[in-house]
Protein backbone atom coordinates (compact mmCIF):
# COMPACT_ATOMS: atom_id res chain seq x y z
CA MET A 1 -20.40 -16.04 -0.74
CA GLU A 2 -22.06 -13.76 -3.11
CA SER A 3 -18.67 -12.30 -4.21
CA THR A 4 -17.22 -15.31 -5.38
CA THR A 5 -20.03 -16.61 -7.83
CA THR A 6 -19.10 -18.20 -10.90
CA ALA A 7 -19.41 -14.84 -13.17
CA HIS A 8 -17.46 -12.82 -10.44
CA LEU A 9 -14.66 -15.33 -10.42
CA VAL A 10 -14.12 -15.09 -14.34
CA LYS A 11 -14.19 -11.29 -13.81
CA SER A 12 -11.48 -11.80 -10.92
CA LYS A 13 -9.49 -14.06 -13.08
CA ILE A 14 -9.53 -11.66 -16.00
CA ALA A 15 -8.66 -8.56 -13.70
CA THR A 16 -5.72 -10.64 -11.80
CA GLN A 17 -4.22 -11.13 -15.47
CA PHE A 18 -4.47 -7.40 -16.26
CA ILE A 19 -2.73 -6.69 -12.89
CA PHE A 20 0.22 -9.17 -14.05
CA LEU A 21 0.23 -7.20 -17.27
CA ILE A 22 0.60 -3.81 -15.38
CA CYS A 23 3.49 -5.19 -13.30
CA GLY A 24 5.29 -6.58 -16.80
CA LEU A 25 4.48 -3.23 -18.44
CA GLY A 26 6.13 -1.17 -15.66
CA MET A 27 9.18 -3.20 -15.11
CA SER A 28 9.98 -3.65 -18.80
CA SER A 29 9.27 -0.16 -19.38
CA TRP A 30 12.16 0.92 -17.01
CA ALA A 31 14.43 -1.62 -18.70
CA THR A 32 14.08 0.35 -21.74
CA MET A 33 14.69 3.76 -19.94
CA VAL A 34 17.96 2.38 -18.54
CA PRO A 35 20.08 3.82 -21.37
CA PHE A 36 18.46 7.28 -20.94
CA ALA A 37 19.18 7.34 -17.38
CA LYS A 38 22.82 6.23 -17.93
CA GLU A 39 23.36 9.06 -20.33
CA ARG A 40 21.46 11.75 -18.53
CA LEU A 41 23.43 11.00 -14.97
CA ALA A 42 26.73 10.34 -16.77
CA LEU A 43 27.23 7.17 -15.33
CA ASN A 44 29.97 4.41 -15.69
CA ASP A 45 28.99 0.74 -15.69
CA GLY A 46 29.97 0.42 -12.15
CA SER A 47 27.86 3.35 -10.80
CA LEU A 48 24.91 2.36 -12.92
CA GLY A 49 25.05 -1.18 -11.45
CA LEU A 50 25.19 0.19 -7.80
CA LEU A 51 22.05 2.34 -8.61
CA LEU A 52 20.22 -0.57 -10.17
CA LEU A 53 20.90 -2.36 -6.96
CA LEU A 54 18.39 0.03 -5.44
CA LEU A 55 15.44 -1.10 -7.44
CA GLY A 56 16.08 -4.63 -6.18
CA ALA A 57 16.61 -3.39 -2.71
CA GLY A 58 13.32 -1.64 -2.78
CA ALA A 59 11.47 -4.52 -3.88
CA ILE A 60 13.21 -7.02 -1.52
CA THR A 61 12.59 -4.47 1.50
CA MET A 62 8.86 -3.93 0.97
CA MET A 63 7.79 -7.73 -0.13
CA PRO A 64 7.89 -8.64 3.69
CA ILE A 65 6.16 -5.14 4.56
CA GLY A 66 3.72 -6.08 1.64
CA SER A 67 2.74 -9.29 3.81
CA ILE A 68 1.68 -7.23 6.61
CA PHE A 69 -0.35 -4.80 4.21
CA LEU A 70 -1.96 -7.81 2.78
CA GLN A 71 -3.24 -9.11 6.13
CA ARG A 72 -4.51 -5.91 7.18
CA TYR A 73 -6.16 -4.60 4.11
CA GLY A 74 -6.67 -7.30 1.60
CA SER A 75 -4.72 -7.68 -1.68
CA ARG A 76 -7.21 -5.32 -3.75
CA ILE A 77 -6.15 -2.20 -1.73
CA VAL A 78 -2.60 -3.05 -1.91
CA ILE A 79 -2.73 -3.78 -5.54
CA LEU A 80 -4.41 -0.36 -6.13
CA TRP A 81 -1.65 1.82 -4.20
CA SER A 82 1.34 -0.08 -5.46
CA ALA A 83 0.20 0.36 -9.00
CA LEU A 84 -0.41 3.94 -8.46
CA LEU A 85 3.29 4.00 -6.81
CA LEU A 86 4.49 2.43 -10.15
CA ALA A 87 2.54 4.68 -12.30
CA LEU A 88 3.83 8.09 -10.30
CA THR A 89 7.26 7.02 -10.22
CA LEU A 90 7.97 5.68 -13.81
CA PRO A 91 7.85 9.00 -15.42
CA LEU A 92 10.10 10.67 -12.71
CA LEU A 93 12.95 7.97 -13.90
CA LEU A 94 13.42 9.85 -17.05
CA VAL A 95 13.34 13.46 -15.83
CA ILE A 96 15.59 13.12 -12.68
CA SER A 97 19.31 14.45 -13.06
CA ASN A 98 20.34 14.03 -9.45
CA PRO A 99 21.99 10.50 -8.83
CA ILE A 100 20.91 10.41 -5.14
CA LEU A 101 17.29 11.63 -5.90
CA MET A 102 17.53 9.07 -8.66
CA GLY A 103 18.34 6.50 -6.34
CA VAL A 104 15.57 7.32 -3.93
CA VAL A 105 12.86 7.26 -6.56
CA LEU A 106 14.25 3.87 -8.03
CA PHE A 107 14.11 2.47 -4.61
CA LEU A 108 10.09 3.60 -4.39
CA PHE A 109 9.77 2.36 -7.95
CA GLY A 110 11.14 -1.10 -6.81
CA ALA A 111 9.13 -0.85 -3.57
CA GLY A 112 6.10 -0.69 -5.84
CA VAL A 113 7.16 -3.66 -8.07
CA GLY A 114 7.67 -5.67 -4.62
CA ILE A 115 4.53 -5.03 -3.20
CA ILE A 116 2.23 -5.21 -6.33
CA ASP A 117 3.98 -8.83 -7.06
CA VAL A 118 3.19 -10.32 -3.58
CA ALA A 119 -0.24 -8.94 -3.86
CA MET A 120 -1.12 -9.96 -7.29
CA ASN A 121 0.25 -13.47 -6.71
CA ALA A 122 -1.77 -13.59 -3.35
CA HIS A 123 -4.80 -12.43 -4.96
CA ALA A 124 -4.06 -15.13 -7.94
CA VAL A 125 -3.90 -17.90 -5.33
CA HIS A 126 -7.26 -17.09 -3.54
CA VAL A 127 -8.95 -16.94 -7.02
CA GLN A 128 -7.63 -20.32 -7.92
CA ASN A 129 -8.38 -21.85 -4.84
CA VAL A 130 -12.17 -21.35 -5.32
CA TYR A 131 -12.01 -21.20 -9.17
CA ASN A 132 -11.14 -25.14 -8.88
CA LYS A 133 -8.85 -24.67 -11.90
CA PRO A 134 -5.46 -23.85 -12.47
CA ILE A 135 -4.98 -20.23 -13.32
CA MET A 136 -1.48 -19.59 -12.13
CA SER A 137 0.38 -20.16 -15.30
CA SER A 138 -1.95 -18.14 -17.44
CA VAL A 139 -1.78 -15.07 -15.25
CA HIS A 140 2.11 -15.28 -14.94
CA GLY A 141 1.91 -15.56 -18.90
CA LEU A 142 0.45 -11.90 -18.97
CA PHE A 143 3.29 -10.83 -16.66
CA SER A 144 5.76 -12.35 -19.80
CA VAL A 145 3.24 -10.84 -22.50
CA GLY A 146 3.65 -7.35 -20.43
CA GLY A 147 7.24 -7.55 -20.23
CA LEU A 148 7.49 -8.13 -24.13
CA LEU A 149 5.19 -5.06 -24.90
CA GLY A 150 6.57 -3.07 -22.32
CA SER A 151 10.04 -3.58 -23.94
CA ILE A 152 9.13 -2.25 -27.32
CA GLY A 153 6.24 -0.08 -26.30
CA LEU A 154 8.45 2.97 -25.03
CA GLY A 155 10.68 2.74 -28.00
CA PHE A 156 7.67 2.53 -30.46
CA LEU A 157 6.05 5.86 -28.83
CA ILE A 158 9.24 7.63 -29.07
CA GLN A 159 9.61 6.53 -32.83
CA ILE A 160 6.18 7.83 -33.61
CA GLY A 161 6.98 11.29 -32.36
CA LEU A 162 6.62 11.47 -28.72
CA THR A 163 9.32 13.02 -26.39
CA PRO A 164 10.53 10.13 -24.10
CA ILE A 165 8.90 11.86 -20.91
CA ALA A 166 5.54 12.10 -22.91
CA ALA A 167 5.94 8.40 -23.75
CA ALA A 168 6.72 7.41 -20.20
CA VAL A 169 3.54 9.38 -19.13
CA SER A 170 1.49 7.76 -21.38
CA ILE A 171 2.33 4.26 -20.29
CA ALA A 172 1.88 5.47 -16.47
CA ILE A 173 -1.57 6.60 -17.38
CA LEU A 174 -2.26 3.26 -19.20
CA LEU A 175 -1.32 1.52 -15.98
CA VAL A 176 -3.76 3.89 -14.25
CA LEU A 177 -6.63 3.36 -16.35
CA ILE A 178 -5.98 -0.57 -16.32
CA VAL A 179 -5.92 -1.01 -12.60
CA PHE A 180 -8.93 1.44 -11.89
CA GLY A 181 -10.96 -0.27 -14.72
CA GLN A 182 -9.99 -3.71 -13.06
CA TYR A 183 -10.32 -2.88 -9.30
CA LYS A 184 -14.02 -3.33 -8.59
CA HIS A 185 -13.65 -7.24 -10.35
CA LEU A 186 -10.87 -8.09 -7.58
CA LEU A 187 -11.71 -9.93 -4.57
CA ASP A 188 -12.50 -7.79 -1.41
CA GLY A 189 -10.44 -8.34 1.87
CA LYS A 190 -13.40 -10.05 3.79
CA THR A 191 -13.62 -12.72 0.87
CA GLU A 192 -10.07 -13.41 0.77
CA LYS A 193 -10.16 -14.03 4.37
CA ALA A 194 -12.74 -16.47 4.07
CA ILE A 195 -11.04 -18.30 1.40
CA SER A 196 -7.72 -18.07 3.06
CA HIS A 197 -9.29 -19.50 6.40
CA SER A 198 -10.87 -22.42 4.49
CA HIS A 199 -7.79 -23.27 2.83
CA SER A 200 -5.03 -23.18 5.35
CA GLY A 201 -6.60 -22.79 8.61
CA GLU A 202 -5.37 -19.35 9.81
CA ASN A 203 -6.21 -20.12 13.40
CA VAL A 204 -3.39 -22.83 13.48
CA VAL A 205 -0.83 -20.14 12.97
CA THR A 206 -2.15 -18.01 15.95
CA ALA A 207 -2.53 -20.90 18.01
CA LYS A 208 0.87 -22.26 17.48
CA GLY A 209 2.57 -18.60 17.74
CA SER A 210 5.27 -19.43 15.22
CA PHE A 211 6.69 -17.36 12.63
CA PRO A 212 5.40 -18.78 9.46
CA TRP A 213 8.16 -17.49 7.30
CA LEU A 214 10.27 -19.88 8.82
CA ARG A 215 8.26 -23.03 8.39
CA LYS A 216 9.77 -25.80 6.41
CA THR A 217 7.44 -26.09 3.66
CA VAL A 218 7.80 -22.14 3.12
CA ILE A 219 11.52 -22.33 3.15
CA TYR A 220 11.59 -25.23 1.06
CA LEU A 221 9.32 -23.86 -1.87
CA GLY A 222 11.41 -20.52 -1.22
CA PHE A 223 14.63 -22.49 -1.98
CA LEU A 224 13.14 -23.90 -5.19
CA CYS A 225 11.83 -20.69 -6.18
CA PHE A 226 15.49 -19.20 -5.59
CA VAL A 227 16.83 -21.67 -7.79
CA VAL A 228 14.28 -21.01 -10.72
CA PHE A 229 14.56 -17.26 -10.47
CA LEU A 230 18.41 -17.64 -10.62
CA ALA A 231 18.20 -19.34 -13.86
CA GLU A 232 15.77 -16.67 -15.10
CA GLY A 233 18.09 -13.89 -13.97
CA ALA A 234 21.05 -15.87 -15.30
CA MET A 235 19.41 -15.43 -18.71
CA LEU A 236 18.52 -11.81 -18.24
CA ASP A 237 22.19 -10.85 -17.19
CA TRP A 238 24.58 -13.57 -18.60
CA SER A 239 22.73 -14.84 -21.81
CA ALA A 240 23.98 -11.89 -24.07
CA VAL A 241 27.53 -12.12 -22.47
CA PHE A 242 27.73 -15.88 -23.21
CA LEU A 243 26.47 -15.52 -26.78
CA LYS A 244 29.14 -12.63 -27.63
CA GLU A 245 32.13 -14.10 -25.71
CA ASN A 246 31.69 -17.69 -26.13
CA ARG A 247 29.65 -18.17 -29.42
CA GLY A 248 31.11 -15.36 -31.27
CA VAL A 249 27.85 -13.37 -31.87
CA SER A 250 27.98 -9.58 -32.64
CA ILE A 251 27.02 -7.36 -29.71
CA GLU A 252 23.98 -5.90 -31.60
CA TRP A 253 22.56 -9.33 -31.95
CA ALA A 254 23.71 -10.81 -28.49
CA GLY A 255 20.40 -10.28 -27.11
CA ILE A 256 18.61 -12.91 -29.24
CA GLY A 257 19.22 -15.43 -26.65
CA TYR A 258 17.16 -14.01 -24.19
CA ALA A 259 14.53 -12.97 -26.59
CA ALA A 260 14.35 -16.76 -27.59
CA PHE A 261 13.84 -17.68 -24.02
CA SER A 262 11.31 -15.13 -23.10
CA ILE A 263 8.99 -15.75 -26.08
CA ALA A 264 9.34 -19.51 -25.32
CA MET A 265 8.61 -18.83 -21.57
CA ALA A 266 5.51 -16.61 -22.27
CA ILE A 267 4.03 -19.07 -24.91
CA MET A 268 4.07 -21.91 -22.40
CA ARG A 269 2.69 -20.03 -19.62
CA LEU A 270 -0.17 -18.83 -21.58
CA VAL A 271 -0.95 -22.49 -22.03
CA GLY A 272 0.24 -23.62 -18.89
CA ASP A 273 -3.11 -24.06 -17.11
CA LYS A 274 -3.93 -26.82 -19.79
CA ILE A 275 -0.86 -28.65 -19.22
CA VAL A 276 -0.94 -28.28 -15.43
CA SER A 277 -4.61 -29.51 -15.57
CA ARG A 278 -3.56 -32.62 -17.83
CA LEU A 279 -0.67 -33.50 -15.57
CA ASP A 280 -0.30 -32.74 -11.82
CA GLY A 281 1.80 -30.15 -10.53
CA LYS A 282 4.70 -32.67 -9.31
CA LYS A 283 5.11 -33.81 -13.18
CA VAL A 284 5.25 -30.32 -14.20
CA VAL A 285 8.07 -29.28 -11.82
CA VAL A 286 9.91 -32.48 -12.34
CA TYR A 287 9.92 -32.85 -16.08
CA GLY A 288 10.08 -28.96 -16.65
CA SER A 289 13.22 -28.83 -14.11
CA LEU A 290 14.97 -31.59 -16.17
CA LEU A 291 13.98 -30.14 -19.40
CA ALA A 292 15.42 -26.61 -18.37
CA ALA A 293 18.52 -28.35 -16.91
CA SER A 294 18.89 -30.20 -20.21
CA GLY A 295 18.43 -26.85 -22.19
CA LEU A 296 21.44 -25.04 -20.36
CA PHE A 297 23.69 -28.30 -20.63
CA LEU A 298 22.83 -28.26 -24.40
CA ALA A 299 23.94 -24.50 -24.64
CA VAL A 300 27.21 -24.72 -22.82
CA LEU A 301 28.36 -28.12 -23.85
CA THR A 302 27.91 -27.69 -27.51
CA PRO A 303 30.01 -25.26 -29.56
CA TRP A 304 27.12 -23.99 -32.21
CA LEU A 305 25.04 -20.88 -31.91
CA ALA A 306 21.87 -23.13 -32.91
CA THR A 307 22.32 -25.51 -30.36
CA ALA A 308 22.82 -22.44 -27.36
CA LEU A 309 19.67 -20.69 -28.92
CA ALA A 310 17.64 -24.12 -28.73
CA GLY A 311 19.09 -24.72 -25.30
CA PHE A 312 17.72 -21.26 -24.03
CA ILE A 313 14.51 -22.22 -25.69
CA LEU A 314 14.53 -25.29 -23.82
CA LEU A 315 15.20 -23.33 -20.71
CA GLY A 316 11.99 -21.22 -21.21
CA ILE A 317 9.65 -24.16 -22.02
CA GLY A 318 10.72 -26.04 -18.96
CA ALA A 319 10.93 -23.15 -16.33
CA ALA A 320 7.71 -21.75 -17.68
CA ASN A 321 5.16 -23.22 -15.15
CA ILE A 322 7.32 -24.52 -12.44
CA VAL A 323 7.00 -21.12 -10.28
CA PRO A 324 3.33 -20.99 -10.72
CA VAL A 325 3.06 -24.58 -9.57
CA PHE A 326 5.10 -23.27 -6.27
CA PHE A 327 2.96 -20.44 -5.82
CA SER A 328 0.01 -22.62 -6.07
CA GLU A 329 0.96 -25.21 -3.50
CA GLY A 330 2.05 -22.26 -1.12
CA GLY A 331 -1.39 -20.83 -1.27
CA ARG A 332 -2.61 -24.33 0.22
CA ILE A 333 -0.04 -24.87 3.15
CA LYS A 334 -1.87 -25.88 6.21
CA GLY A 335 -1.54 -23.13 8.92
CA VAL A 336 -0.13 -20.39 6.90
CA PRO A 337 -2.51 -18.18 5.19
CA ALA A 338 -1.72 -17.25 1.30
CA GLY A 339 -1.21 -13.66 2.44
CA ILE A 340 1.76 -14.72 4.52
CA ALA A 341 2.98 -17.76 2.63
CA ILE A 342 3.18 -16.12 -0.95
CA PRO A 343 5.10 -12.99 0.29
CA ALA A 344 7.56 -15.17 1.85
CA ILE A 345 8.11 -17.81 -0.99
CA THR A 346 8.40 -14.60 -3.33
CA THR A 347 11.14 -12.97 -1.42
CA TYR A 348 12.98 -16.03 -1.06
CA GLY A 349 12.60 -16.55 -5.05
CA TYR A 350 13.69 -12.65 -5.75
CA ALA A 351 16.79 -13.35 -3.91
CA GLY A 352 17.61 -15.56 -6.41
CA GLN A 353 16.93 -13.37 -9.20
CA LEU A 354 18.58 -10.52 -7.80
CA ALA A 355 21.83 -11.99 -5.91
CA GLY A 356 21.83 -15.22 -8.11
CA PRO A 357 23.74 -13.75 -11.00
CA ALA A 358 26.19 -12.04 -9.09
CA ALA A 359 26.96 -15.30 -7.59
CA LEU A 360 27.18 -16.55 -11.18
CA GLY A 361 29.56 -13.76 -12.00
CA TYR A 362 32.14 -14.86 -9.03
CA ILE A 363 31.92 -18.44 -10.54
CA ALA A 364 32.71 -17.12 -13.89
CA ASN A 365 35.52 -15.24 -12.83
CA GLN A 366 37.05 -18.14 -10.88
CA PHE A 367 36.26 -20.70 -13.52
CA SER A 368 34.38 -19.87 -16.67
CA LEU A 369 30.87 -18.44 -17.76
CA PRO A 370 30.09 -21.67 -19.32
CA VAL A 371 30.77 -23.41 -15.97
CA ALA A 372 28.86 -21.00 -14.23
CA ILE A 373 25.78 -21.42 -16.40
CA GLY A 374 26.31 -25.16 -16.08
CA PHE A 375 26.25 -24.96 -12.56
CA THR A 376 22.62 -23.31 -12.69
CA GLY A 377 21.60 -26.48 -14.45
CA VAL A 378 22.84 -28.85 -11.98
CA LEU A 379 20.78 -26.77 -9.57
CA LEU A 380 17.83 -27.20 -11.60
CA LEU A 381 18.68 -31.01 -11.39
CA PHE A 382 18.29 -30.69 -7.80
CA VAL A 383 14.81 -29.13 -7.98
CA ALA A 384 13.63 -32.25 -10.15
CA LEU A 385 15.18 -34.83 -7.67
CA SER A 386 13.97 -32.98 -4.67
CA TYR A 387 10.50 -32.61 -5.81
CA LEU A 388 10.44 -36.12 -7.19
CA SER A 389 11.16 -37.49 -3.72
CA LYS A 390 8.64 -35.08 -1.89
CA ALA A 391 5.81 -36.92 -0.21
């Protein structure tokens, strides 16, 4: 296929990395906007929490629909329109003063996040399947880089004199420029279908008439992603509370735990392709899950701040390349095209990131927060043992 020559594949890989960067930038820019939205809408913590659920609802709702779009149009078209949806809604989140309208726009923003997430992962799997080298870790690393840049980018633009809305518009324009600049280097739909057919045998699904989201392998990988995403969500939502209430860290510095975790994960993902190449995916999952679990146990079973931070760093190192391995495996499931398997696995996984921390809150309320975090470590042990015994 002319469109998958070595030179084009290299450009496609780089373009995929830029799309992951877009998603990370967009999501983390919104995270920086949350205090502005809370003040503008005069919301209390409970009302803000309900509003934030709409972002997750938009993502989860649209991920399955994104699978339909992928099958019909290919990931390149879906990436373009979902990126434009992100860019359009992002500045609106800084100016809307009506809570109901804010909820609608936040749902649409979440929809853009959900659709671009499944599309970029599906595209990355297609590129990897013909690239013959692991690339999933590095592309996910660019998402982490985007998250780090976006978390400070909006604040930096405001600090140098831009108004908040001007800063948000600047970031939105950057997203548009990136997606249009990389669009031509993404694989077209015809090429993706040929790749998917050669690696999964699409005709098998049609012949059996089964619902691929319910295939055992899809559910299994989805559940494992659920656990790993739950651990990441636990760091996002609970690490600062844990450091403040259980390790005596002042509120101003309570975010240091998540920062340590995020930096460790970003670094490991950027070098993760080499690790996966030297080891096999099974070892990366098993050893990574054991290391991540040991990090959580270290954090909750020792009384010192230094060991808690070391534990969060171990979690970031261990968990960084697990999900990319799962997505790679999902793109090679016999009888299930990557454009179906990846959205399914992603949806199952994101349910862990969105609903998991709430479940941990229930456990913390019934027992304690260290017990809840420790329970997450037990689940990671299950991931290691389960994957170790997998044929």
